[in-house]
Amino acid sequence: MSDSYMTTVTEKGSINIAEDVLSSIVAAAVTEVDGVSSLSNTVGNDILDYIGKRALPRGVKVVVEDGAVMVDVLIIVTFGSVVTTVAKAVQEAVAQAMESMAGISPKVNVHVSGVSFKNSKA
């Protein structure tokens, strides 16, 4: 379980959303964007997989600090896509998903780590 939470205090108590939940929201939003082939693997998750620990969604890092949320997304774009257009669409999709599902406005950094040359036709 995550040690970090996004916490909102209301008159009826507090609402705590784990970073793991936020990471899952981000991963789901990113995979819906046209031009994104996949989320990129990260070394940290590969090590966690190797030692049998549960890994966060690949290619997603969410940091909650002093009530602010910073999201880093590592993606692989599909060949033929306009990289900057895809990256901006990822930023928008992540921000919209986080706002609608968790009520927070994150800062979203997109890192394009590769291009997929897979033939999408069967």
N, C-alpha and C. Protein backbone atom coordinates (compact mmCIF):
# COMPACT_ATOMS: atom_id res chain seq x y z
N MET A 1 0.84 -1.18 0.00
CA MET A 1 0.00 0.00 0.00
C MET A 1 0.88 1.24 0.00
N SER A 2 0.41 2.25 -0.64
CA SER A 2 1.19 3.48 -0.78
C SER A 2 1.30 4.20 0.55
N ASP A 3 2.43 4.84 0.76
CA ASP A 3 2.63 5.62 1.98
C ASP A 3 2.19 7.07 1.80
N SER A 4 2.00 7.51 0.56
CA SER A 4 1.64 8.89 0.30
C SER A 4 0.21 8.99 -0.20
N TYR A 5 -0.46 9.99 0.31
CA TYR A 5 -1.86 10.20 -0.05
C TYR A 5 -2.08 11.66 -0.41
N MET A 6 -3.05 11.87 -1.28
CA MET A 6 -3.58 13.21 -1.53
C MET A 6 -4.72 13.35 -0.55
N THR A 7 -4.63 14.32 0.35
CA THR A 7 -5.61 14.47 1.41
C THR A 7 -6.39 15.76 1.25
N THR A 8 -7.70 15.64 1.36
CA THR A 8 -8.59 16.79 1.35
C THR A 8 -9.40 16.74 2.63
N VAL A 9 -9.40 17.83 3.38
CA VAL A 9 -10.15 17.89 4.62
C VAL A 9 -11.47 18.60 4.35
N THR A 10 -12.56 17.94 4.77
CA THR A 10 -13.89 18.53 4.62
C THR A 10 -14.50 18.69 6.01
N GLU A 11 -15.66 19.29 6.06
CA GLU A 11 -16.32 19.47 7.36
C GLU A 11 -16.75 18.14 7.98
N LYS A 12 -16.85 17.09 7.16
CA LYS A 12 -17.27 15.77 7.67
C LYS A 12 -16.10 14.83 7.92
N GLY A 13 -14.90 15.28 7.66
CA GLY A 13 -13.73 14.43 7.85
C GLY A 13 -12.73 14.65 6.73
N SER A 14 -11.87 13.66 6.53
CA SER A 14 -10.87 13.80 5.48
C SER A 14 -11.06 12.74 4.40
N ILE A 15 -10.61 13.07 3.21
CA ILE A 15 -10.62 12.15 2.08
C ILE A 15 -9.17 11.92 1.71
N ASN A 16 -8.76 10.67 1.71
CA ASN A 16 -7.37 10.31 1.40
C ASN A 16 -7.35 9.43 0.16
N ILE A 17 -6.63 9.86 -0.87
CA ILE A 17 -6.51 9.09 -2.10
C ILE A 17 -5.04 8.69 -2.24
N ALA A 18 -4.77 7.40 -2.31
CA ALA A 18 -3.40 6.90 -2.39
C ALA A 18 -2.78 7.23 -3.74
N GLU A 19 -1.47 7.43 -3.75
CA GLU A 19 -0.73 7.67 -4.99
C GLU A 19 -0.96 6.54 -5.98
N ASP A 20 -1.11 5.31 -5.49
CA ASP A 20 -1.36 4.16 -6.37
C ASP A 20 -2.65 4.35 -7.16
N VAL A 21 -3.67 4.89 -6.53
CA VAL A 21 -4.95 5.14 -7.19
C VAL A 21 -4.77 6.21 -8.25
N LEU A 22 -4.07 7.27 -7.90
CA LEU A 22 -3.82 8.33 -8.86
C LEU A 22 -3.02 7.81 -10.05
N SER A 23 -2.05 6.94 -9.81
CA SER A 23 -1.26 6.35 -10.89
C SER A 23 -2.13 5.52 -11.83
N SER A 24 -3.08 4.80 -11.27
CA SER A 24 -3.98 3.99 -12.09
C SER A 24 -4.88 4.87 -12.96
N ILE A 25 -5.34 5.98 -12.41
CA ILE A 25 -6.16 6.93 -13.17
C ILE A 25 -5.34 7.48 -14.34
N VAL A 26 -4.10 7.84 -14.07
CA VAL A 26 -3.21 8.38 -15.11
C VAL A 26 -2.99 7.35 -16.20
N ALA A 27 -2.64 6.13 -15.83
CA ALA A 27 -2.37 5.08 -16.81
C ALA A 27 -3.57 4.83 -17.70
N ALA A 28 -4.76 4.79 -17.13
CA ALA A 28 -5.97 4.57 -17.91
C ALA A 28 -6.20 5.71 -18.89
N ALA A 29 -5.98 6.94 -18.46
CA ALA A 29 -6.19 8.10 -19.33
C ALA A 29 -5.19 8.10 -20.49
N VAL A 30 -3.95 7.77 -20.21
CA VAL A 30 -2.91 7.80 -21.24
C VAL A 30 -3.18 6.78 -22.33
N THR A 31 -3.62 5.60 -21.97
CA THR A 31 -3.83 4.54 -22.96
C THR A 31 -4.98 4.85 -23.90
N GLU A 32 -5.82 5.82 -23.57
CA GLU A 32 -6.94 6.20 -24.43
C GLU A 32 -6.56 7.25 -25.48
N VAL A 33 -5.37 7.79 -25.41
CA VAL A 33 -4.96 8.87 -26.32
C VAL A 33 -4.47 8.28 -27.64
N ASP A 34 -5.03 8.77 -28.75
CA ASP A 34 -4.57 8.35 -30.07
C ASP A 34 -3.12 8.75 -30.27
N GLY A 35 -2.33 7.85 -30.81
CA GLY A 35 -0.92 8.12 -31.06
C GLY A 35 -0.01 7.58 -29.97
N VAL A 36 -0.59 7.15 -28.84
CA VAL A 36 0.22 6.53 -27.79
C VAL A 36 0.23 5.03 -28.04
N SER A 37 1.41 4.50 -28.31
CA SER A 37 1.55 3.06 -28.52
C SER A 37 1.45 2.32 -27.20
N SER A 38 2.16 2.86 -26.19
CA SER A 38 2.14 2.24 -24.87
C SER A 38 2.82 3.16 -23.86
N LEU A 39 2.67 2.79 -22.61
CA LEU A 39 3.47 3.42 -21.57
C LEU A 39 4.84 2.78 -21.62
N SER A 40 5.86 3.53 -21.31
CA SER A 40 7.23 3.02 -21.35
C SER A 40 7.56 2.29 -20.06
N ASN A 41 8.42 1.29 -20.16
CA ASN A 41 8.89 0.60 -18.95
C ASN A 41 9.84 1.49 -18.20
N THR A 42 9.90 1.28 -16.89
CA THR A 42 10.87 2.00 -16.07
C THR A 42 11.74 0.99 -15.35
N VAL A 43 12.97 1.36 -15.10
CA VAL A 43 13.91 0.46 -14.44
C VAL A 43 13.40 0.06 -13.06
N GLY A 44 12.86 0.99 -12.32
CA GLY A 44 12.38 0.68 -10.97
C GLY A 44 11.31 -0.40 -10.98
N ASN A 45 10.38 -0.34 -11.92
CA ASN A 45 9.34 -1.36 -12.00
C ASN A 45 9.90 -2.70 -12.43
N ASP A 46 10.90 -2.70 -13.31
CA ASP A 46 11.52 -3.95 -13.72
C ASP A 46 12.17 -4.64 -12.52
N ILE A 47 12.80 -3.88 -11.67
CA ILE A 47 13.42 -4.45 -10.47
C ILE A 47 12.35 -4.99 -9.53
N LEU A 48 11.28 -4.23 -9.33
CA LEU A 48 10.19 -4.69 -8.46
C LEU A 48 9.57 -5.98 -9.00
N ASP A 49 9.39 -6.07 -10.33
CA ASP A 49 8.87 -7.29 -10.93
C ASP A 49 9.80 -8.47 -10.65
N TYR A 50 11.10 -8.23 -10.77
CA TYR A 50 12.10 -9.29 -10.58
C TYR A 50 12.08 -9.84 -9.16
N ILE A 51 11.93 -8.98 -8.17
CA ILE A 51 11.95 -9.45 -6.79
C ILE A 51 10.55 -9.81 -6.28
N GLY A 52 9.55 -9.71 -7.17
CA GLY A 52 8.22 -10.17 -6.80
C GLY A 52 7.36 -9.16 -6.07
N LYS A 53 7.74 -7.93 -6.05
CA LYS A 53 6.95 -6.88 -5.42
C LYS A 53 5.97 -6.32 -6.43
N ARG A 54 4.84 -5.80 -5.93
CA ARG A 54 3.85 -5.19 -6.81
C ARG A 54 4.38 -3.87 -7.33
N ALA A 55 4.27 -3.67 -8.62
CA ALA A 55 4.76 -2.44 -9.24
C ALA A 55 3.60 -1.50 -9.55
N LEU A 56 3.89 -0.23 -9.55
CA LEU A 56 2.93 0.77 -9.99
C LEU A 56 2.77 0.65 -11.50
N PRO A 57 1.71 1.24 -12.04
CA PRO A 57 1.57 1.19 -13.50
C PRO A 57 2.85 1.67 -14.17
N ARG A 58 3.29 0.91 -15.15
CA ARG A 58 4.54 1.24 -15.85
C ARG A 58 4.44 2.59 -16.52
N GLY A 59 5.52 3.34 -16.45
CA GLY A 59 5.59 4.61 -17.14
C GLY A 59 4.87 5.75 -16.45
N VAL A 60 4.44 5.55 -15.22
CA VAL A 60 3.70 6.58 -14.50
C VAL A 60 4.36 6.82 -13.14
N LYS A 61 4.60 8.07 -12.84
CA LYS A 61 5.10 8.44 -11.52
C LYS A 61 4.25 9.60 -11.01
N VAL A 62 3.65 9.41 -9.86
CA VAL A 62 2.83 10.45 -9.24
C VAL A 62 3.45 10.80 -7.90
N VAL A 63 3.68 12.09 -7.70
CA VAL A 63 4.24 12.57 -6.43
C VAL A 63 3.27 13.58 -5.84
N VAL A 64 2.90 13.33 -4.58
CA VAL A 64 2.04 14.25 -3.86
C VAL A 64 2.90 14.92 -2.80
N GLU A 65 3.00 16.25 -2.87
CA GLU A 65 3.85 16.97 -1.94
C GLU A 65 3.18 18.29 -1.57
N ASP A 66 2.92 18.48 -0.30
CA ASP A 66 2.31 19.71 0.20
C ASP A 66 1.00 20.04 -0.52
N GLY A 67 0.21 19.02 -0.78
CA GLY A 67 -1.09 19.21 -1.43
C GLY A 67 -1.04 19.38 -2.93
N ALA A 68 0.15 19.43 -3.50
CA ALA A 68 0.29 19.56 -4.96
C ALA A 68 0.61 18.19 -5.56
N VAL A 69 0.11 17.96 -6.76
CA VAL A 69 0.33 16.68 -7.42
C VAL A 69 1.14 16.91 -8.69
N MET A 70 2.25 16.16 -8.80
CA MET A 70 3.11 16.21 -9.97
C MET A 70 3.07 14.83 -10.62
N VAL A 71 2.76 14.80 -11.92
CA VAL A 71 2.67 13.55 -12.65
C VAL A 71 3.73 13.54 -13.73
N ASP A 72 4.49 12.45 -13.81
CA ASP A 72 5.42 12.21 -14.91
C ASP A 72 4.96 10.97 -15.63
N VAL A 73 4.83 11.09 -16.96
CA VAL A 73 4.36 9.99 -17.78
C VAL A 73 5.42 9.71 -18.85
N LEU A 74 5.81 8.45 -18.98
CA LEU A 74 6.76 8.03 -20.00
C LEU A 74 5.99 7.24 -21.05
N ILE A 75 5.99 7.75 -22.29
CA ILE A 75 5.21 7.09 -23.33
C ILE A 75 6.06 6.72 -24.54
N ILE A 76 5.52 5.80 -25.31
CA ILE A 76 6.05 5.46 -26.62
C ILE A 76 4.97 5.84 -27.62
N VAL A 77 5.33 6.66 -28.61
CA VAL A 77 4.35 7.10 -29.59
C VAL A 77 4.36 6.18 -30.81
N THR A 78 3.25 6.17 -31.51
CA THR A 78 3.11 5.38 -32.73
C THR A 78 3.77 6.12 -33.88
N PHE A 79 4.54 5.40 -34.69
CA PHE A 79 5.22 6.00 -35.83
C PHE A 79 4.19 6.68 -36.73
N GLY A 80 4.50 7.88 -37.18
CA GLY A 80 3.61 8.64 -38.03
C GLY A 80 2.80 9.68 -37.28
N SER A 81 2.80 9.58 -35.97
CA SER A 81 2.09 10.56 -35.14
C SER A 81 2.96 11.80 -34.95
N VAL A 82 2.32 12.93 -34.76
CA VAL A 82 3.05 14.15 -34.45
C VAL A 82 3.32 14.13 -32.95
N VAL A 83 4.57 14.01 -32.60
CA VAL A 83 4.97 13.80 -31.21
C VAL A 83 4.43 14.88 -30.27
N THR A 84 4.59 16.14 -30.64
CA THR A 84 4.14 17.21 -29.75
C THR A 84 2.62 17.22 -29.60
N THR A 85 1.91 16.86 -30.65
CA THR A 85 0.45 16.80 -30.58
C THR A 85 0.01 15.68 -29.64
N VAL A 86 0.66 14.53 -29.74
CA VAL A 86 0.34 13.41 -28.86
C VAL A 86 0.66 13.77 -27.41
N ALA A 87 1.81 14.38 -27.19
CA ALA A 87 2.22 14.75 -25.83
C ALA A 87 1.23 15.74 -25.21
N LYS A 88 0.80 16.73 -25.98
CA LYS A 88 -0.18 17.69 -25.47
C LYS A 88 -1.52 17.01 -25.18
N ALA A 89 -1.90 16.06 -26.03
CA ALA A 89 -3.15 15.32 -25.81
C ALA A 89 -3.06 14.48 -24.54
N VAL A 90 -1.88 13.92 -24.27
CA VAL A 90 -1.68 13.16 -23.04
C VAL A 90 -1.81 14.09 -21.83
N GLN A 91 -1.18 15.26 -21.89
CA GLN A 91 -1.30 16.21 -20.78
C GLN A 91 -2.76 16.55 -20.51
N GLU A 92 -3.51 16.83 -21.56
CA GLU A 92 -4.92 17.19 -21.41
C GLU A 92 -5.74 16.02 -20.86
N ALA A 93 -5.51 14.83 -21.39
CA ALA A 93 -6.27 13.65 -20.94
C ALA A 93 -6.01 13.34 -19.47
N VAL A 94 -4.76 13.43 -19.07
CA VAL A 94 -4.39 13.15 -17.68
C VAL A 94 -5.00 14.21 -16.75
N ALA A 95 -4.86 15.47 -17.12
CA ALA A 95 -5.41 16.55 -16.29
C ALA A 95 -6.92 16.41 -16.16
N GLN A 96 -7.59 16.12 -17.27
CA GLN A 96 -9.05 15.99 -17.25
C GLN A 96 -9.48 14.79 -16.40
N ALA A 97 -8.80 13.67 -16.53
CA ALA A 97 -9.15 12.48 -15.75
C ALA A 97 -8.93 12.72 -14.26
N MET A 98 -7.82 13.35 -13.91
CA MET A 98 -7.52 13.62 -12.50
C MET A 98 -8.54 14.60 -11.91
N GLU A 99 -8.89 15.62 -12.69
CA GLU A 99 -9.86 16.60 -12.20
C GLU A 99 -11.25 15.98 -12.03
N SER A 100 -11.66 15.17 -13.00
CA SER A 100 -13.01 14.61 -12.92
C SER A 100 -13.12 13.46 -11.91
N MET A 101 -12.07 12.68 -11.76
CA MET A 101 -12.15 11.52 -10.87
C MET A 101 -11.67 11.79 -9.45
N ALA A 102 -10.71 12.71 -9.29
CA ALA A 102 -10.15 12.94 -7.97
C ALA A 102 -10.30 14.37 -7.49
N GLY A 103 -10.78 15.26 -8.36
CA GLY A 103 -10.99 16.64 -7.96
C GLY A 103 -9.72 17.42 -7.75
N ILE A 104 -8.64 17.03 -8.44
CA ILE A 104 -7.37 17.74 -8.29
C ILE A 104 -6.83 18.15 -9.66
N SER A 105 -6.04 19.20 -9.67
CA SER A 105 -5.42 19.69 -10.90
C SER A 105 -3.91 19.47 -10.82
N PRO A 106 -3.43 18.44 -11.50
CA PRO A 106 -2.00 18.14 -11.42
C PRO A 106 -1.18 18.91 -12.44
N LYS A 107 0.10 18.95 -12.21
CA LYS A 107 1.05 19.39 -13.22
C LYS A 107 1.50 18.11 -13.91
N VAL A 108 1.45 18.07 -15.25
CA VAL A 108 1.71 16.84 -16.00
C VAL A 108 2.91 17.03 -16.92
N ASN A 109 3.94 16.22 -16.69
CA ASN A 109 5.13 16.22 -17.54
C ASN A 109 5.09 14.95 -18.38
N VAL A 110 5.23 15.10 -19.69
CA VAL A 110 5.22 13.95 -20.60
C VAL A 110 6.63 13.76 -21.16
N HIS A 111 7.11 12.54 -21.05
CA HIS A 111 8.43 12.18 -21.55
C HIS A 111 8.23 11.14 -22.65
N VAL A 112 8.61 11.47 -23.87
CA VAL A 112 8.50 10.53 -24.98
C VAL A 112 9.81 9.78 -25.05
N SER A 113 9.75 8.49 -24.77
CA SER A 113 10.98 7.70 -24.68
C SER A 113 11.21 6.80 -25.87
N GLY A 114 10.28 6.81 -26.83
CA GLY A 114 10.48 5.96 -28.00
C GLY A 114 9.37 6.09 -29.01
N VAL A 115 9.59 5.41 -30.15
CA VAL A 115 8.61 5.35 -31.22
C VAL A 115 8.38 3.89 -31.54
N SER A 116 7.10 3.54 -31.70
CA SER A 116 6.75 2.17 -32.04
C SER A 116 6.54 2.08 -33.54
N PHE A 117 7.21 1.11 -34.15
CA PHE A 117 7.08 0.89 -35.59
C PHE A 117 6.20 -0.30 -35.90
N LYS A 118 5.45 -0.77 -34.90
CA LYS A 118 4.58 -1.93 -35.09
C LYS A 118 3.54 -1.63 -36.15
N ASN A 119 3.26 -2.64 -36.95
CA ASN A 119 2.21 -2.53 -37.95
C ASN A 119 0.90 -2.84 -37.25
N SER A 120 -0.01 -1.86 -37.16
CA SER A 120 -1.25 -2.03 -36.42
C SER A 120 -2.30 -2.81 -37.21
N LYS A 121 -2.03 -3.11 -38.50
CA LYS A 121 -2.99 -3.86 -39.31
C LYS A 121 -2.76 -5.35 -39.13
N ALA A 122 -3.84 -6.08 -38.99
CA ALA A 122 -3.73 -7.53 -38.78
C ALA A 122 -3.70 -8.28 -40.08
